[in-house]
Amino acid sequence: GIQFNDSVVTIYADAGGVPGAELSCSDGGCTPGAEAVAIGNVTFGVGVFVSVACWANGTGGSYAVDFTESPALANDECTTALPLVMGPNVGLSNVGATGSLQPGTCRPAGDPDVWYTYTATAAGTVEFSMCPADGGSNGTIGTNAGLTAYSGVCGALTQVECNDGDWRTAGDCNFTNSRLQATVTAGQTVYLS
């Protein structure tokens, strides 16, 4: 892990042997520790540039860089969203996700995300939660997880609700997990990212 305060890790595309467009960036804040940056849609044999920097008045230090590859996710885009069922849906992951251009009001476009759908069986209110039933921490989400619900169809989605998992946002459970509610009609499909 990075051993200096307020690290910034940025990955750039290779533009003919020089850093090109920014592909991903992560600012670890002021706490020393591991910094994780994910990029997707990489091409075999095409390099990237990695920048490790101290933000503003940060103090430099030692660090290690570790690269891992993850297979492409089936539900990385809206058009390949996986269906959710009523009740617990376990074994889900966003490891290796890439960013979508569909923004939410509580998270910027381009944040790594995965997509799911839920089709309502009756009219009413449905809750989507990354929290365990008892409201405590599930211990598996190690970052500030966001959850956004949309109505419509891929390419023409309208945000219904958004929760970024920030401890200052009402509806969170144990700081980093998100939940939200949406009013639905019978047969309506809700997209989640």
C-alpha atoms as a PDB file:
ATOM      1  CA  GLY A   1       0.000   0.000   0.000  1.00  0.00           C
ATOM      2  CA  ILE A   2       0.927   3.617  -0.319  1.00  0.00           C
ATOM      3  CA  GLN A   3       2.739   4.941   2.723  1.00  0.00           C
ATOM      4  CA  PHE A   4       2.250   8.682   2.318  1.00  0.00           C
ATOM      5  CA  ASN A   5      -0.647  11.028   2.993  1.00  0.00           C
ATOM      6  CA  ASP A   6      -3.121  12.169   0.360  1.00  0.00           C
ATOM      7  CA  SER A   7      -2.019  10.084  -2.596  1.00  0.00           C
ATOM      8  CA  VAL A   8      -3.467  10.496  -6.082  1.00  0.00           C
ATOM      9  CA  VAL A   9      -3.181   7.624  -8.569  1.00  0.00           C
ATOM     10  CA  THR A  10      -4.065   8.373 -12.184  1.00  0.00           C
ATOM     11  CA  ILE A  11      -4.057   6.044 -15.195  1.00  0.00           C
ATOM     12  CA  TYR A  12      -3.561   7.492 -18.674  1.00  0.00           C
ATOM     13  CA  ALA A  13      -3.941   5.933 -22.116  1.00  0.00           C
ATOM     14  CA  ASP A  14      -0.777   5.395 -24.137  1.00  0.00           C
ATOM     15  CA  ALA A  15      -0.748   8.056 -26.855  1.00  0.00           C
ATOM     16  CA  GLY A  16       2.208   6.895 -28.914  1.00  0.00           C
ATOM     17  CA  GLY A  17       4.643   6.539 -26.035  1.00  0.00           C
ATOM     18  CA  VAL A  18       3.417   9.531 -24.018  1.00  0.00           C
ATOM     19  CA  PRO A  19       0.530   9.870 -21.548  1.00  0.00           C
ATOM     20  CA  GLY A  20      -2.739  10.544 -23.362  1.00  0.00           C
ATOM     21  CA  ALA A  21      -6.311  10.786 -22.140  1.00  0.00           C
ATOM     22  CA  GLU A  22      -7.034  10.142 -18.460  1.00  0.00           C
ATOM     23  CA  LEU A  23      -8.735   6.756 -18.051  1.00  0.00           C
ATOM     24  CA  SER A  24      -9.221   6.696 -14.287  1.00  0.00           C
ATOM     25  CA  CYS A  25      -8.181   8.587 -11.179  1.00  0.00           C
ATOM     26  CA  SER A  26      -8.468   7.986  -7.439  1.00  0.00           C
ATOM     27  CA  ASP A  27      -7.651  10.421  -4.634  1.00  0.00           C
ATOM     28  CA  GLY A  28      -7.153   8.507  -1.397  1.00  0.00           C
ATOM     29  CA  GLY A  29      -7.758  11.472   0.859  1.00  0.00           C
ATOM     30  CA  CYS A  30      -5.505  12.199   3.788  1.00  0.00           C
ATOM     31  CA  THR A  31      -5.236   8.709   5.254  1.00  0.00           C
ATOM     32  CA  PRO A  32      -2.259   6.518   4.274  1.00  0.00           C
ATOM     33  CA  GLY A  33      -3.162   3.097   2.924  1.00  0.00           C
ATOM     34  CA  ALA A  34      -4.104   1.199  -0.190  1.00  0.00           C
ATOM     35  CA  GLU A  35      -5.247   3.108  -3.235  1.00  0.00           C
ATOM     36  CA  ALA A  36      -7.264   1.261  -5.875  1.00  0.00           C
ATOM     37  CA  VAL A  37      -7.866   2.425  -9.423  1.00  0.00           C
ATOM     38  CA  ALA A  38      -9.833   0.359 -11.932  1.00  0.00           C
ATOM     39  CA  ILE A  39      -9.999   0.666 -15.687  1.00  0.00           C
ATOM     40  CA  GLY A  40     -11.939  -1.438 -18.124  1.00  0.00           C
ATOM     41  CA  ASN A  41     -12.151  -2.201 -21.793  1.00  0.00           C
ATOM     42  CA  VAL A  42      -8.406  -2.647 -22.098  1.00  0.00           C
ATOM     43  CA  THR A  43      -6.857  -4.168 -25.186  1.00  0.00           C
ATOM     44  CA  PHE A  44      -4.247  -6.899 -24.987  1.00  0.00           C
ATOM     45  CA  GLY A  45      -0.794  -5.507 -25.738  1.00  0.00           C
ATOM     46  CA  VAL A  46      -1.780  -1.847 -25.319  1.00  0.00           C
ATOM     47  CA  GLY A  47       0.021  -0.115 -22.448  1.00  0.00           C
ATOM     48  CA  VAL A  48      -1.053   2.549 -20.014  1.00  0.00           C
ATOM     49  CA  PHE A  49       0.798   5.173 -17.985  1.00  0.00           C
ATOM     50  CA  VAL A  50       0.391   5.230 -14.189  1.00  0.00           C
ATOM     51  CA  SER A  51       1.014   8.412 -12.205  1.00  0.00           C
ATOM     52  CA  VAL A  52       1.463   8.277  -8.407  1.00  0.00           C
ATOM     53  CA  ALA A  53       1.468  11.727  -6.830  1.00  0.00           C
ATOM     54  CA  CYS A  54       0.985  13.582  -3.553  1.00  0.00           C
ATOM     55  CA  TRP A  55      -1.917  15.997  -3.541  1.00  0.00           C
ATOM     56  CA  ALA A  56      -1.172  19.659  -2.754  1.00  0.00           C
ATOM     57  CA  ASN A  57       0.982  19.739   0.381  1.00  0.00           C
ATOM     58  CA  GLY A  58       1.306  15.966   0.759  1.00  0.00           C
ATOM     59  CA  THR A  59       4.591  14.387   1.792  1.00  0.00           C
ATOM     60  CA  GLY A  60       6.120  11.774  -0.520  1.00  0.00           C
ATOM     61  CA  GLY A  61       7.016   8.259   0.590  1.00  0.00           C
ATOM     62  CA  SER A  62       7.376   4.660  -0.503  1.00  0.00           C
ATOM     63  CA  TYR A  63       4.781   2.646  -2.392  1.00  0.00           C
ATOM     64  CA  ALA A  64       4.265  -0.521  -4.415  1.00  0.00           C
ATOM     65  CA  VAL A  65       2.180  -1.010  -7.548  1.00  0.00           C
ATOM     66  CA  ASP A  66       0.271  -4.245  -8.133  1.00  0.00           C
ATOM     67  CA  PHE A  67      -1.658  -4.978 -11.334  1.00  0.00           C
ATOM     68  CA  THR A  68      -4.441  -7.552 -11.519  1.00  0.00           C
ATOM     69  CA  GLU A  69      -6.756  -8.499 -14.344  1.00  0.00           C
ATOM     70  CA  SER A  70     -10.416  -9.282 -13.972  1.00  0.00           C
ATOM     71  CA  PRO A  71     -12.639 -10.758 -16.664  1.00  0.00           C
ATOM     72  CA  ALA A  72     -15.208  -8.442 -18.211  1.00  0.00           C
ATOM     73  CA  LEU A  73     -18.472  -8.331 -16.269  1.00  0.00           C
ATOM     74  CA  ALA A  74     -21.638  -9.525 -17.996  1.00  0.00           C
ATOM     75  CA  ASN A  75     -23.644  -6.606 -16.543  1.00  0.00           C
ATOM     76  CA  ASP A  76     -21.125  -3.801 -17.060  1.00  0.00           C
ATOM     77  CA  GLU A  77     -23.540  -1.832 -19.265  1.00  0.00           C
ATOM     78  CA  CYS A  78     -27.232  -0.954 -19.062  1.00  0.00           C
ATOM     79  CA  THR A  79     -28.039  -3.063 -22.115  1.00  0.00           C
ATOM     80  CA  THR A  80     -26.679  -6.190 -20.402  1.00  0.00           C
ATOM     81  CA  ALA A  81     -28.250  -5.595 -16.984  1.00  0.00           C
ATOM     82  CA  LEU A  82     -28.890  -8.725 -14.907  1.00  0.00           C
ATOM     83  CA  PRO A  83     -32.327  -9.294 -13.328  1.00  0.00           C
ATOM     84  CA  LEU A  84     -32.768  -9.136  -9.557  1.00  0.00           C
ATOM     85  CA  VAL A  85     -35.444 -11.067  -7.679  1.00  0.00           C
ATOM     86  CA  MET A  86     -37.441 -10.084  -4.604  1.00  0.00           C
ATOM     87  CA  GLY A  87     -35.451 -10.946  -1.484  1.00  0.00           C
ATOM     88  CA  PRO A  88     -31.695 -11.399  -1.027  1.00  0.00           C
ATOM     89  CA  ASN A  89     -29.562 -11.447  -4.178  1.00  0.00           C
ATOM     90  CA  VAL A  90     -26.162 -12.703  -3.027  1.00  0.00           C
ATOM     91  CA  GLY A  91     -22.776 -13.145  -4.685  1.00  0.00           C
ATOM     92  CA  LEU A  92     -22.932  -9.847  -6.591  1.00  0.00           C
ATOM     93  CA  SER A  93     -19.735  -7.964  -7.417  1.00  0.00           C
ATOM     94  CA  ASN A  94     -18.539  -4.834  -9.187  1.00  0.00           C
ATOM     95  CA  VAL A  95     -14.869  -5.888  -9.319  1.00  0.00           C
ATOM     96  CA  GLY A  96     -13.615  -4.993 -12.784  1.00  0.00           C
ATOM     97  CA  ALA A  97     -16.534  -2.689 -13.586  1.00  0.00           C
ATOM     98  CA  THR A  98     -16.067   0.203 -15.964  1.00  0.00           C
ATOM     99  CA  GLY A  99     -17.808   3.548 -15.902  1.00  0.00           C
ATOM    100  CA  SER A 100     -21.052   4.342 -17.671  1.00  0.00           C
ATOM    101  CA  LEU A 101     -22.003   7.663 -19.185  1.00  0.00           C
ATOM    102  CA  GLN A 102     -25.390   7.634 -17.404  1.00  0.00           C
ATOM    103  CA  PRO A 103     -24.931  10.057 -14.482  1.00  0.00           C
ATOM    104  CA  GLY A 104     -26.806  10.090 -11.207  1.00  0.00           C
ATOM    105  CA  THR A 105     -27.294  13.237  -9.152  1.00  0.00           C
ATOM    106  CA  CYS A 106     -25.256  11.768  -6.311  1.00  0.00           C
ATOM    107  CA  ARG A 107     -22.379  10.359  -8.377  1.00  0.00           C
ATOM    108  CA  PRO A 108     -20.591  11.507 -11.500  1.00  0.00           C
ATOM    109  CA  ALA A 109     -20.827   9.861 -14.899  1.00  0.00           C
ATOM    110  CA  GLY A 110     -17.877   7.576 -15.443  1.00  0.00           C
ATOM    111  CA  ASP A 111     -17.780   6.028 -11.960  1.00  0.00           C
ATOM    112  CA  PRO A 112     -17.281   2.246 -12.251  1.00  0.00           C
ATOM    113  CA  ASP A 113     -20.694   0.578 -12.044  1.00  0.00           C
ATOM    114  CA  VAL A 114     -22.674  -2.553 -12.830  1.00  0.00           C
ATOM    115  CA  TRP A 115     -26.316  -2.781 -13.925  1.00  0.00           C
ATOM    116  CA  TYR A 116     -29.360  -4.709 -12.722  1.00  0.00           C
ATOM    117  CA  THR A 117     -33.086  -4.674 -13.457  1.00  0.00           C
ATOM    118  CA  TYR A 118     -36.056  -5.347 -11.240  1.00  0.00           C
ATOM    119  CA  THR A 119     -39.560  -5.828 -12.658  1.00  0.00           C
ATOM    120  CA  ALA A 120     -42.296  -4.992 -10.151  1.00  0.00           C
ATOM    121  CA  THR A 121     -44.952  -7.645  -9.591  1.00  0.00           C
ATOM    122  CA  ALA A 122     -47.392  -5.153  -8.014  1.00  0.00           C
ATOM    123  CA  ALA A 123     -47.866  -1.409  -7.608  1.00  0.00           C
ATOM    124  CA  GLY A 124     -46.375   0.173  -4.495  1.00  0.00           C
ATOM    125  CA  THR A 125     -43.001   1.017  -3.011  1.00  0.00           C
ATOM    126  CA  VAL A 126     -39.961  -1.202  -3.412  1.00  0.00           C
ATOM    127  CA  GLU A 127     -36.744  -0.832  -1.419  1.00  0.00           C
ATOM    128  CA  PHE A 128     -33.373  -1.633  -2.958  1.00  0.00           C
ATOM    129  CA  SER A 129     -30.794  -2.113  -0.253  1.00  0.00           C
ATOM    130  CA  MET A 130     -27.134  -3.002  -0.024  1.00  0.00           C
ATOM    131  CA  CYS A 131     -27.709  -3.328   3.727  1.00  0.00           C
ATOM    132  CA  PRO A 132     -28.423  -6.538   5.612  1.00  0.00           C
ATOM    133  CA  ALA A 133     -31.955  -6.953   6.975  1.00  0.00           C
ATOM    134  CA  ASP A 134     -30.865  -5.952  10.492  1.00  0.00           C
ATOM    135  CA  GLY A 135     -29.514  -2.581   9.212  1.00  0.00           C
ATOM    136  CA  GLY A 136     -25.920  -3.307  10.238  1.00  0.00           C
ATOM    137  CA  SER A 137     -22.840  -3.537   8.106  1.00  0.00           C
ATOM    138  CA  ASN A 138     -22.590  -6.545   5.833  1.00  0.00           C
ATOM    139  CA  GLY A 139     -18.808  -6.310   5.959  1.00  0.00           C
ATOM    140  CA  THR A 140     -18.334  -6.874   2.240  1.00  0.00           C
ATOM    141  CA  ILE A 141     -18.501  -3.415   0.712  1.00  0.00           C
ATOM    142  CA  GLY A 142     -15.151  -1.818   1.372  1.00  0.00           C
ATOM    143  CA  THR A 143     -15.820   1.552  -0.196  1.00  0.00           C
ATOM    144  CA  ASN A 144     -18.374   4.332  -0.443  1.00  0.00           C
ATOM    145  CA  ALA A 145     -20.950   2.420  -2.500  1.00  0.00           C
ATOM    146  CA  GLY A 146     -23.625   4.250  -4.455  1.00  0.00           C
ATOM    147  CA  LEU A 147     -26.976   3.056  -5.732  1.00  0.00           C
ATOM    148  CA  THR A 148     -29.098   4.758  -8.406  1.00  0.00           C
ATOM    149  CA  ALA A 149     -32.543   3.722  -9.682  1.00  0.00           C
ATOM    150  CA  TYR A 150     -33.808   4.686 -13.155  1.00  0.00           C
ATOM    151  CA  SER A 151     -37.041   4.316 -15.106  1.00  0.00           C
ATOM    152  CA  GLY A 152     -37.282   4.130 -18.891  1.00  0.00           C
ATOM    153  CA  VAL A 153     -35.106   2.145 -21.271  1.00  0.00           C
ATOM    154  CA  CYS A 154     -31.356   2.037 -21.856  1.00  0.00           C
ATOM    155  CA  GLY A 155     -30.304   5.146 -23.756  1.00  0.00           C
ATOM    156  CA  ALA A 156     -33.320   7.080 -22.441  1.00  0.00           C
ATOM    157  CA  LEU A 157     -33.241   6.569 -18.670  1.00  0.00           C
ATOM    158  CA  THR A 158     -34.653   8.966 -16.082  1.00  0.00           C
ATOM    159  CA  GLN A 159     -33.267   8.931 -12.562  1.00  0.00           C
ATOM    160  CA  VAL A 160     -35.879   7.986  -9.960  1.00  0.00           C
ATOM    161  CA  GLU A 161     -33.722   8.003  -6.822  1.00  0.00           C
ATOM    162  CA  CYS A 162     -30.044   8.078  -5.871  1.00  0.00           C
ATOM    163  CA  ASN A 163     -28.067   7.345  -2.688  1.00  0.00           C
ATOM    164  CA  ASP A 164     -24.291   7.605  -2.683  1.00  0.00           C
ATOM    165  CA  GLY A 165     -23.602   5.731   0.575  1.00  0.00           C
ATOM    166  CA  ASP A 166     -22.150   8.860   2.122  1.00  0.00           C
ATOM    167  CA  TRP A 167     -22.623   8.915   5.886  1.00  0.00           C
ATOM    168  CA  ARG A 168     -24.216  12.347   5.578  1.00  0.00           C
ATOM    169  CA  THR A 169     -27.033  10.997   3.395  1.00  0.00           C
ATOM    170  CA  ALA A 170     -30.278   9.853   4.999  1.00  0.00           C
ATOM    171  CA  GLY A 171     -31.096   6.227   4.327  1.00  0.00           C
ATOM    172  CA  ASP A 172     -27.595   4.824   4.745  1.00  0.00           C
ATOM    173  CA  CYS A 173     -26.790   1.889   6.962  1.00  0.00           C
ATOM    174  CA  ASN A 174     -23.471   1.868   8.747  1.00  0.00           C
ATOM    175  CA  PHE A 175     -21.833   4.598   6.647  1.00  0.00           C
ATOM    176  CA  THR A 176     -20.836   2.859   3.403  1.00  0.00           C
ATOM    177  CA  ASN A 177     -23.825   0.898   2.174  1.00  0.00           C
ATOM    178  CA  SER A 178     -26.772   2.384   0.280  1.00  0.00           C
ATOM    179  CA  ARG A 179     -30.488   1.825   0.135  1.00  0.00           C
ATOM    180  CA  LEU A 180     -33.271   3.655  -1.612  1.00  0.00           C
ATOM    181  CA  GLN A 181     -36.994   3.383  -2.270  1.00  0.00           C
ATOM    182  CA  ALA A 182     -38.906   3.813  -5.510  1.00  0.00           C
ATOM    183  CA  THR A 183     -42.618   3.964  -6.272  1.00  0.00           C
ATOM    184  CA  VAL A 184     -43.466   1.422  -8.972  1.00  0.00           C
ATOM    185  CA  THR A 185     -46.413   0.189 -11.009  1.00  0.00           C
ATOM    186  CA  ALA A 186     -47.091  -3.480 -11.719  1.00  0.00           C
ATOM    187  CA  GLY A 187     -44.892  -4.669 -14.577  1.00  0.00           C
ATOM    188  CA  GLN A 188     -42.584  -1.630 -14.446  1.00  0.00           C
ATOM    189  CA  THR A 189     -38.876  -2.352 -14.921  1.00  0.00           C
ATOM    190  CA  VAL A 190     -36.471  -0.376 -12.736  1.00  0.00           C
ATOM    191  CA  TYR A 191     -32.799  -0.153 -13.754  1.00  0.00           C
ATOM    192  CA  LEU A 192     -30.213  -0.027 -10.983  1.00  0.00           C
ATOM    193  CA  SER A 193     -26.561   0.928 -11.121  1.00  0.00           C
END
